Amino acid sequence: MPVYAYLALFIGCTELPEIPFFSRGDYSYGVYLYGFPIQQSIVAATGVVNPFMLFAMTLIPVVGLAVMSWHFVEKPMLRFRKGFSMAAKRAL
């Protein structure tokens, strides 16, 4: 339906307000990385297959792991990228 395409473009081009909790880091990779394994673990342990219930059950553990991953793994490792990146060495 064209309405959905218009709505997606409208939301994509609109400046949305920032959520203060999520402006402290880039948690998207952690959500991508941990989302599926946690969902599958919950399905295996509980047998829940309702997508809305599964989303509700996985939201807090996935975001929690993503936050910890950003602050304790990803962000500290970004400090070392200049030593390994050819583009960063040329910029110095």
PDB file of N, CA and C in Angstrom:
ATOM      1  N   MET A   1       0.830  -1.187   0.000  1.00  0.00           N
ATOM      2  CA  MET A   1       0.000   0.000   0.000  1.00  0.00           C
ATOM      3  C   MET A   1       0.875   1.251   0.000  1.00  0.00           C
ATOM      4  N   PRO A   2       0.506   2.235  -0.785  1.00  0.00           N
ATOM      5  CA  PRO A   2       1.287   3.474  -0.847  1.00  0.00           C
ATOM      6  C   PRO A   2       1.298   4.238   0.478  1.00  0.00           C
ATOM      7  N   VAL A   3       0.284   4.031   1.304  1.00  0.00           N
ATOM      8  CA  VAL A   3       0.227   4.741   2.578  1.00  0.00           C
ATOM      9  C   VAL A   3       1.411   4.337   3.460  1.00  0.00           C
ATOM     10  N   TYR A   4       1.765   3.058   3.463  1.00  0.00           N
ATOM     11  CA  TYR A   4       2.880   2.598   4.284  1.00  0.00           C
ATOM     12  C   TYR A   4       4.204   3.167   3.788  1.00  0.00           C
ATOM     13  N   ALA A   5       4.372   3.237   2.488  1.00  0.00           N
ATOM     14  CA  ALA A   5       5.597   3.797   1.925  1.00  0.00           C
ATOM     15  C   ALA A   5       5.699   5.279   2.283  1.00  0.00           C
ATOM     16  N   TYR A   6       4.622   6.013   2.174  1.00  0.00           N
ATOM     17  CA  TYR A   6       4.620   7.427   2.538  1.00  0.00           C
ATOM     18  C   TYR A   6       4.913   7.598   4.021  1.00  0.00           C
ATOM     19  N   LEU A   7       4.308   6.779   4.858  1.00  0.00           N
ATOM     20  CA  LEU A   7       4.520   6.855   6.299  1.00  0.00           C
ATOM     21  C   LEU A   7       5.983   6.556   6.644  1.00  0.00           C
ATOM     22  N   ALA A   8       6.567   5.555   6.008  1.00  0.00           N
ATOM     23  CA  ALA A   8       7.973   5.219   6.253  1.00  0.00           C
ATOM     24  C   ALA A   8       8.886   6.366   5.836  1.00  0.00           C
ATOM     25  N   LEU A   9       8.625   6.981   4.692  1.00  0.00           N
ATOM     26  CA  LEU A   9       9.423   8.127   4.260  1.00  0.00           C
ATOM     27  C   LEU A   9       9.246   9.315   5.184  1.00  0.00           C
ATOM     28  N   PHE A  10       8.036   9.555   5.630  1.00  0.00           N
ATOM     29  CA  PHE A  10       7.763  10.680   6.528  1.00  0.00           C
ATOM     30  C   PHE A  10       8.519  10.505   7.844  1.00  0.00           C
ATOM     31  N   ILE A  11       8.444   9.312   8.427  1.00  0.00           N
ATOM     32  CA  ILE A  11       9.138   9.071   9.692  1.00  0.00           C
ATOM     33  C   ILE A  11      10.651   9.137   9.491  1.00  0.00           C
ATOM     34  N   GLY A  12      11.143   8.613   8.367  1.00  0.00           N
ATOM     35  CA  GLY A  12      12.570   8.638   8.095  1.00  0.00           C
ATOM     36  C   GLY A  12      13.121  10.035   7.892  1.00  0.00           C
ATOM     37  N   CYS A  13      12.319  10.948   7.402  1.00  0.00           N
ATOM     38  CA  CYS A  13      12.777  12.318   7.146  1.00  0.00           C
ATOM     39  C   CYS A  13      12.453  13.277   8.284  1.00  0.00           C
ATOM     40  N   THR A  14      11.772  12.802   9.295  1.00  0.00           N
ATOM     41  CA  THR A  14      11.384  13.653  10.413  1.00  0.00           C
ATOM     42  C   THR A  14      12.448  13.608  11.497  1.00  0.00           C
ATOM     43  N   GLU A  15      12.737  14.758  12.066  1.00  0.00           N
ATOM     44  CA  GLU A  15      13.679  14.827  13.185  1.00  0.00           C
ATOM     45  C   GLU A  15      12.958  14.388  14.450  1.00  0.00           C
ATOM     46  N   LEU A  16      13.265  13.194  14.917  1.00  0.00           N
ATOM     47  CA  LEU A  16      12.628  12.661  16.104  1.00  0.00           C
ATOM     48  C   LEU A  16      13.392  13.097  17.349  1.00  0.00           C
ATOM     49  N   PRO A  17      12.709  13.286  18.468  1.00  0.00           N
ATOM     50  CA  PRO A  17      13.430  13.687  19.690  1.00  0.00           C
ATOM     51  C   PRO A  17      14.323  12.553  20.198  1.00  0.00           C
ATOM     52  N   GLU A  18      15.446  12.940  20.802  1.00  0.00           N
ATOM     53  CA  GLU A  18      16.363  11.952  21.334  1.00  0.00           C
ATOM     54  C   GLU A  18      15.873  11.442  22.683  1.00  0.00           C
ATOM     55  N   ILE A  19      16.069  10.168  22.921  1.00  0.00           N
ATOM     56  CA  ILE A  19      15.764   9.585  24.215  1.00  0.00           C
ATOM     57  C   ILE A  19      17.056   9.656  25.031  1.00  0.00           C
ATOM     58  N   PRO A  20      17.048  10.330  26.184  1.00  0.00           N
ATOM     59  CA  PRO A  20      18.303  10.553  26.919  1.00  0.00           C
ATOM     60  C   PRO A  20      19.101   9.286  27.217  1.00  0.00           C
ATOM     61  N   PHE A  21      18.456   8.197  27.565  1.00  0.00           N
ATOM     62  CA  PHE A  21      19.175   6.963  27.891  1.00  0.00           C
ATOM     63  C   PHE A  21      19.963   6.441  26.699  1.00  0.00           C
ATOM     64  N   PHE A  22      19.398   6.543  25.512  1.00  0.00           N
ATOM     65  CA  PHE A  22      20.031   5.985  24.322  1.00  0.00           C
ATOM     66  C   PHE A  22      21.025   6.929  23.667  1.00  0.00           C
ATOM     67  N   SER A  23      21.165   8.156  24.162  1.00  0.00           N
ATOM     68  CA  SER A  23      22.139   9.073  23.576  1.00  0.00           C
ATOM     69  C   SER A  23      23.517   8.920  24.215  1.00  0.00           C
ATOM     70  N   ARG A  24      23.679   7.983  25.138  1.00  0.00           N
ATOM     71  CA  ARG A  24      24.967   7.770  25.804  1.00  0.00           C
ATOM     72  C   ARG A  24      25.868   6.798  25.059  1.00  0.00           C
ATOM     73  N   GLY A  25      25.367   6.158  24.043  1.00  0.00           N
ATOM     74  CA  GLY A  25      26.190   5.206  23.304  1.00  0.00           C
ATOM     75  C   GLY A  25      25.446   4.662  22.099  1.00  0.00           C
ATOM     76  N   ASP A  26      26.147   3.860  21.325  1.00  0.00           N
ATOM     77  CA  ASP A  26      25.559   3.239  20.137  1.00  0.00           C
ATOM     78  C   ASP A  26      25.279   1.774  20.446  1.00  0.00           C
ATOM     79  N   TYR A  27      24.063   1.500  20.840  1.00  0.00           N
ATOM     80  CA  TYR A  27      23.690   0.166  21.282  1.00  0.00           C
ATOM     81  C   TYR A  27      23.133  -0.695  20.161  1.00  0.00           C
ATOM     82  N   SER A  28      23.055  -0.181  18.951  1.00  0.00           N
ATOM     83  CA  SER A  28      22.396  -0.893  17.861  1.00  0.00           C
ATOM     84  C   SER A  28      23.106  -2.206  17.512  1.00  0.00           C
ATOM     85  N   TYR A  29      24.424  -2.225  17.517  1.00  0.00           N
ATOM     86  CA  TYR A  29      25.129  -3.450  17.173  1.00  0.00           C
ATOM     87  C   TYR A  29      24.903  -4.523  18.235  1.00  0.00           C
ATOM     88  N   GLY A  30      24.868  -4.121  19.489  1.00  0.00           N
ATOM     89  CA  GLY A  30      24.599  -5.076  20.555  1.00  0.00           C
ATOM     90  C   GLY A  30      23.208  -5.668  20.450  1.00  0.00           C
ATOM     91  N   VAL A  31      22.219  -4.849  20.099  1.00  0.00           N
ATOM     92  CA  VAL A  31      20.859  -5.348  19.910  1.00  0.00           C
ATOM     93  C   VAL A  31      20.837  -6.326  18.744  1.00  0.00           C
ATOM     94  N   TYR A  32      21.534  -5.977  17.663  1.00  0.00           N
ATOM     95  CA  TYR A  32      21.620  -6.865  16.505  1.00  0.00           C
ATOM     96  C   TYR A  32      22.309  -8.179  16.871  1.00  0.00           C
ATOM     97  N   LEU A  33      23.378  -8.074  17.640  1.00  0.00           N
ATOM     98  CA  LEU A  33      24.187  -9.242  17.965  1.00  0.00           C
ATOM     99  C   LEU A  33      23.499 -10.190  18.936  1.00  0.00           C
ATOM    100  N   TYR A  34      22.853  -9.663  19.955  1.00  0.00           N
ATOM    101  CA  TYR A  34      22.292 -10.490  21.020  1.00  0.00           C
ATOM    102  C   TYR A  34      20.804 -10.777  20.868  1.00  0.00           C
ATOM    103  N   GLY A  35      20.112 -10.057  20.016  1.00  0.00           N
ATOM    104  CA  GLY A  35      18.664 -10.211  19.910  1.00  0.00           C
ATOM    105  C   GLY A  35      18.211 -11.600  19.528  1.00  0.00           C
ATOM    106  N   PHE A  36      18.727 -12.119  18.442  1.00  0.00           N
ATOM    107  CA  PHE A  36      18.280 -13.427  17.960  1.00  0.00           C
ATOM    108  C   PHE A  36      18.635 -14.573  18.912  1.00  0.00           C
ATOM    109  N   PRO A  37      19.885 -14.649  19.418  1.00  0.00           N
ATOM    110  CA  PRO A  37      20.182 -15.753  20.337  1.00  0.00           C
ATOM    111  C   PRO A  37      19.339 -15.731  21.613  1.00  0.00           C
ATOM    112  N   ILE A  38      19.073 -14.552  22.129  1.00  0.00           N
ATOM    113  CA  ILE A  38      18.249 -14.478  23.343  1.00  0.00           C
ATOM    114  C   ILE A  38      16.818 -14.878  23.031  1.00  0.00           C
ATOM    115  N   GLN A  39      16.291 -14.433  21.896  1.00  0.00           N
ATOM    116  CA  GLN A  39      14.935 -14.842  21.522  1.00  0.00           C
ATOM    117  C   GLN A  39      14.843 -16.357  21.383  1.00  0.00           C
ATOM    118  N   GLN A  40      15.809 -16.952  20.725  1.00  0.00           N
ATOM    119  CA  GLN A  40      15.778 -18.402  20.528  1.00  0.00           C
ATOM    120  C   GLN A  40      15.942 -19.154  21.843  1.00  0.00           C
ATOM    121  N   SER A  41      16.726 -18.609  22.758  1.00  0.00           N
ATOM    122  CA  SER A  41      16.878 -19.236  24.073  1.00  0.00           C
ATOM    123  C   SER A  41      15.575 -19.193  24.848  1.00  0.00           C
ATOM    124  N   ILE A  42      14.870 -18.068  24.760  1.00  0.00           N
ATOM    125  CA  ILE A  42      13.589 -17.950  25.462  1.00  0.00           C
ATOM    126  C   ILE A  42      12.556 -18.888  24.840  1.00  0.00           C
ATOM    127  N   VAL A  43      12.537 -18.990  23.521  1.00  0.00           N
ATOM    128  CA  VAL A  43      11.607 -19.914  22.866  1.00  0.00           C
ATOM    129  C   VAL A  43      11.908 -21.349  23.290  1.00  0.00           C
ATOM    130  N   ALA A  44      13.182 -21.712  23.335  1.00  0.00           N
ATOM    131  CA  ALA A  44      13.555 -23.079  23.721  1.00  0.00           C
ATOM    132  C   ALA A  44      13.213 -23.367  25.178  1.00  0.00           C
ATOM    133  N   ALA A  45      13.378 -22.368  26.046  1.00  0.00           N
ATOM    134  CA  ALA A  45      13.147 -22.586  27.474  1.00  0.00           C
ATOM    135  C   ALA A  45      11.667 -22.534  27.848  1.00  0.00           C
ATOM    136  N   THR A  46      10.895 -21.664  27.181  1.00  0.00           N
ATOM    137  CA  THR A  46       9.504 -21.468  27.591  1.00  0.00           C
ATOM    138  C   THR A  46       8.485 -21.958  26.583  1.00  0.00           C
ATOM    139  N   GLY A  47       8.859 -22.051  25.322  1.00  0.00           N
ATOM    140  CA  GLY A  47       7.905 -22.455  24.295  1.00  0.00           C
ATOM    141  C   GLY A  47       7.027 -21.327  23.791  1.00  0.00           C
ATOM    142  N   VAL A  48       7.312 -20.100  24.186  1.00  0.00           N
ATOM    143  CA  VAL A  48       6.523 -18.945  23.735  1.00  0.00           C
ATOM    144  C   VAL A  48       6.775 -18.719  22.253  1.00  0.00           C
ATOM    145  N   VAL A  49       5.704 -18.622  21.461  1.00  0.00           N
ATOM    146  CA  VAL A  49       5.852 -18.341  20.033  1.00  0.00           C
ATOM    147  C   VAL A  49       5.070 -17.096  19.609  1.00  0.00           C
ATOM    148  N   ASN A  50       4.307 -16.508  20.499  1.00  0.00           N
ATOM    149  CA  ASN A  50       3.592 -15.265  20.206  1.00  0.00           C
ATOM    150  C   ASN A  50       4.619 -14.146  20.054  1.00  0.00           C
ATOM    151  N   PRO A  51       4.690 -13.488  18.893  1.00  0.00           N
ATOM    152  CA  PRO A  51       5.736 -12.491  18.673  1.00  0.00           C
ATOM    153  C   PRO A  51       5.683 -11.314  19.645  1.00  0.00           C
ATOM    154  N   PHE A  52       4.491 -10.893  20.047  1.00  0.00           N
ATOM    155  CA  PHE A  52       4.391  -9.764  20.966  1.00  0.00           C
ATOM    156  C   PHE A  52       4.880 -10.156  22.362  1.00  0.00           C
ATOM    157  N   MET A  53       4.536 -11.342  22.786  1.00  0.00           N
ATOM    158  CA  MET A  53       4.998 -11.833  24.082  1.00  0.00           C
ATOM    159  C   MET A  53       6.505 -12.064  24.061  1.00  0.00           C
ATOM    160  N   LEU A  54       6.998 -12.591  22.961  1.00  0.00           N
ATOM    161  CA  LEU A  54       8.436 -12.818  22.821  1.00  0.00           C
ATOM    162  C   LEU A  54       9.198 -11.497  22.850  1.00  0.00           C
ATOM    163  N   PHE A  55       8.682 -10.484  22.173  1.00  0.00           N
ATOM    164  CA  PHE A  55       9.299  -9.164  22.199  1.00  0.00           C
ATOM    165  C   PHE A  55       9.337  -8.615  23.622  1.00  0.00           C
ATOM    166  N   ALA A  56       8.228  -8.733  24.331  1.00  0.00           N
ATOM    167  CA  ALA A  56       8.161  -8.225  25.701  1.00  0.00           C
ATOM    168  C   ALA A  56       9.147  -8.959  26.615  1.00  0.00           C
ATOM    169  N   MET A  57       9.321 -10.247  26.383  1.00  0.00           N
ATOM    170  CA  MET A  57      10.217 -11.025  27.234  1.00  0.00           C
ATOM    171  C   MET A  57      11.692 -10.792  26.910  1.00  0.00           C
ATOM    172  N   THR A  58      12.006 -10.402  25.696  1.00  0.00           N
ATOM    173  CA  THR A  58      13.407 -10.241  25.311  1.00  0.00           C
ATOM    174  C   THR A  58      13.884  -8.798  25.345  1.00  0.00           C
ATOM    175  N   LEU A  59      13.012  -7.837  25.456  1.00  0.00           N
ATOM    176  CA  LEU A  59      13.403  -6.428  25.379  1.00  0.00           C
ATOM    177  C   LEU A  59      14.439  -6.061  26.441  1.00  0.00           C
ATOM    178  N   ILE A  60      14.162  -6.335  27.683  1.00  0.00           N
ATOM    179  CA  ILE A  60      15.067  -5.919  28.758  1.00  0.00           C
ATOM    180  C   ILE A  60      16.403  -6.668  28.710  1.00  0.00           C
ATOM    181  N   PRO A  61      16.416  -7.995  28.556  1.00  0.00           N
ATOM    182  CA  PRO A  61      17.731  -8.662  28.483  1.00  0.00           C
ATOM    183  C   PRO A  61      18.576  -8.232  27.280  1.00  0.00           C
ATOM    184  N   VAL A  62      17.944  -8.024  26.141  1.00  0.00           N
ATOM    185  CA  VAL A  62      18.702  -7.634  24.941  1.00  0.00           C
ATOM    186  C   VAL A  62      19.275  -6.238  25.106  1.00  0.00           C
ATOM    187  N   VAL A  63      18.469  -5.289  25.550  1.00  0.00           N
ATOM    188  CA  VAL A  63      18.968  -3.917  25.729  1.00  0.00           C
ATOM    189  C   VAL A  63      20.026  -3.891  26.829  1.00  0.00           C
ATOM    190  N   GLY A  64      19.820  -4.642  27.884  1.00  0.00           N
ATOM    191  CA  GLY A  64      20.818  -4.692  28.954  1.00  0.00           C
ATOM    192  C   GLY A  64      22.162  -5.211  28.470  1.00  0.00           C
ATOM    193  N   LEU A  65      22.143  -6.303  27.710  1.00  0.00           N
ATOM    194  CA  LEU A  65      23.394  -6.829  27.161  1.00  0.00           C
ATOM    195  C   LEU A  65      24.015  -5.872  26.143  1.00  0.00           C
ATOM    196  N   ALA A  66      23.185  -5.203  25.362  1.00  0.00           N
ATOM    197  CA  ALA A  66      23.706  -4.244  24.385  1.00  0.00           C
ATOM    198  C   ALA A  66      24.398  -3.076  25.079  1.00  0.00           C
ATOM    199  N   VAL A  67      23.811  -2.587  26.167  1.00  0.00           N
ATOM    200  CA  VAL A  67      24.414  -1.482  26.924  1.00  0.00           C
ATOM    201  C   VAL A  67      25.744  -1.934  27.523  1.00  0.00           C
ATOM    202  N   MET A  68      25.765  -3.104  28.139  1.00  0.00           N
ATOM    203  CA  MET A  68      27.013  -3.603  28.728  1.00  0.00           C
ATOM    204  C   MET A  68      28.064  -3.848  27.647  1.00  0.00           C
ATOM    205  N   SER A  69      27.652  -4.373  26.511  1.00  0.00           N
ATOM    206  CA  SER A  69      28.581  -4.626  25.422  1.00  0.00           C
ATOM    207  C   SER A  69      29.197  -3.324  24.922  1.00  0.00           C
ATOM    208  N   TRP A  70      28.390  -2.280  24.787  1.00  0.00           N
ATOM    209  CA  TRP A  70      28.909  -0.995  24.315  1.00  0.00           C
ATOM    210  C   TRP A  70      29.915  -0.415  25.299  1.00  0.00           C
ATOM    211  N   HIS A  71      29.552  -0.377  26.567  1.00  0.00           N
ATOM    212  CA  HIS A  71      30.397   0.307  27.546  1.00  0.00           C
ATOM    213  C   HIS A  71      31.624  -0.503  27.968  1.00  0.00           C
ATOM    214  N   PHE A  72      31.557  -1.837  27.933  1.00  0.00           N
ATOM    215  CA  PHE A  72      32.666  -2.642  28.426  1.00  0.00           C
ATOM    216  C   PHE A  72      33.471  -3.346  27.337  1.00  0.00           C
ATOM    217  N   VAL A  73      32.950  -3.406  26.110  1.00  0.00           N
ATOM    218  CA  VAL A  73      33.680  -4.093  25.043  1.00  0.00           C
ATOM    219  C   VAL A  73      33.919  -3.152  23.857  1.00  0.00           C
ATOM    220  N   GLU A  74      32.837  -2.669  23.251  1.00  0.00           N
ATOM    221  CA  GLU A  74      32.969  -1.929  21.998  1.00  0.00           C
ATOM    222  C   GLU A  74      33.670  -0.584  22.173  1.00  0.00           C
ATOM    223  N   LYS A  75      33.215   0.234  23.114  1.00  0.00           N
ATOM    224  CA  LYS A  75      33.797   1.560  23.299  1.00  0.00           C
ATOM    225  C   LYS A  75      35.274   1.486  23.692  1.00  0.00           C
ATOM    226  N   PRO A  76      35.660   0.623  24.649  1.00  0.00           N
ATOM    227  CA  PRO A  76      37.096   0.526  24.942  1.00  0.00           C
ATOM    228  C   PRO A  76      37.929   0.058  23.740  1.00  0.00           C
ATOM    229  N   MET A  77      37.390  -0.829  22.922  1.00  0.00           N
ATOM    230  CA  MET A  77      38.150  -1.311  21.768  1.00  0.00           C
ATOM    231  C   MET A  77      38.299  -0.254  20.686  1.00  0.00           C
ATOM    232  N   LEU A  78      37.392   0.716  20.638  1.00  0.00           N
ATOM    233  CA  LEU A  78      37.506   1.777  19.643  1.00  0.00           C
ATOM    234  C   LEU A  78      38.733   2.655  19.880  1.00  0.00           C
ATOM    235  N   ARG A  79      39.255   2.663  21.093  1.00  0.00           N
ATOM    236  CA  ARG A  79      40.470   3.439  21.377  1.00  0.00           C
ATOM    237  C   ARG A  79      41.686   2.878  20.634  1.00  0.00           C
ATOM    238  N   PHE A  80      41.643   1.594  20.333  1.00  0.00           N
ATOM    239  CA  PHE A  80      42.774   0.947  19.673  1.00  0.00           C
ATOM    240  C   PHE A  80      42.715   1.019  18.150  1.00  0.00           C
ATOM    241  N   ARG A  81      41.645   1.540  17.582  1.00  0.00           N
ATOM    242  CA  ARG A  81      41.482   1.473  16.135  1.00  0.00           C
ATOM    243  C   ARG A  81      42.522   2.286  15.379  1.00  0.00           C
ATOM    244  N   LYS A  82      43.024   3.367  15.971  1.00  0.00           N
ATOM    245  CA  LYS A  82      44.022   4.169  15.261  1.00  0.00           C
ATOM    246  C   LYS A  82      45.316   3.408  15.053  1.00  0.00           C
ATOM    247  N   GLY A  83      45.615   2.501  15.929  1.00  0.00           N
ATOM    248  CA  GLY A  83      46.831   1.700  15.774  1.00  0.00           C
ATOM    249  C   GLY A  83      46.730   0.653  14.685  1.00  0.00           C
ATOM    250  N   PHE A  84      45.522   0.281  14.290  1.00  0.00           N
ATOM    251  CA  PHE A  84      45.333  -0.783  13.304  1.00  0.00           C
ATOM    252  C   PHE A  84      44.764  -0.291  11.978  1.00  0.00           C
ATOM    253  N   SER A  85      44.316   0.949  11.920  1.00  0.00           N
ATOM    254  CA  SER A  85      43.648   1.453  10.722  1.00  0.00           C
ATOM    255  C   SER A  85      44.625   2.216   9.840  1.00  0.00           C
ATOM    256  N   MET A  86      44.718   1.832   8.581  1.00  0.00           N
ATOM    257  CA  MET A  86      45.590   2.536   7.636  1.00  0.00           C
ATOM    258  C   MET A  86      45.060   3.951   7.367  1.00  0.00           C
ATOM    259  N   ALA A  87      43.761   4.115   7.297  1.00  0.00           N
ATOM    260  CA  ALA A  87      43.193   5.442   7.047  1.00  0.00           C
ATOM    261  C   ALA A  87      43.454   6.365   8.217  1.00  0.00           C
ATOM    262  N   ALA A  88      43.361   5.867   9.446  1.00  0.00           N
ATOM    263  CA  ALA A  88      43.614   6.696  10.618  1.00  0.00           C
ATOM    264  C   ALA A  88      45.092   7.088  10.698  1.00  0.00           C
ATOM    265  N   LYS A  89      45.982   6.202  10.268  1.00  0.00           N
ATOM    266  CA  LYS A  89      47.418   6.519  10.296  1.00  0.00           C
ATOM    267  C   LYS A  89      47.746   7.605   9.293  1.00  0.00           C
ATOM    268  N   ARG A  90      47.094   7.614   8.133  1.00  0.00           N
ATOM    269  CA  ARG A  90      47.344   8.641   7.121  1.00  0.00           C
ATOM    270  C   ARG A  90      46.806   9.993   7.559  1.00  0.00           C
ATOM    271  N   ALA A  91      45.737   9.996   8.382  1.00  0.00           N
ATOM    272  CA  ALA A  91      45.130  11.254   8.808  1.00  0.00           C
ATOM    273  C   ALA A  91      45.994  11.965   9.852  1.00  0.00           C
ATOM    274  N   LEU A  92      46.883  11.228  10.524  1.00  0.00           N
ATOM    275  CA  LEU A  92      47.714  11.840  11.570  1.00  0.00           C
ATOM    276  C   LEU A  92      48.804  12.680  11.011  1.00  0.00           C
TER     277      LEU A  92
END
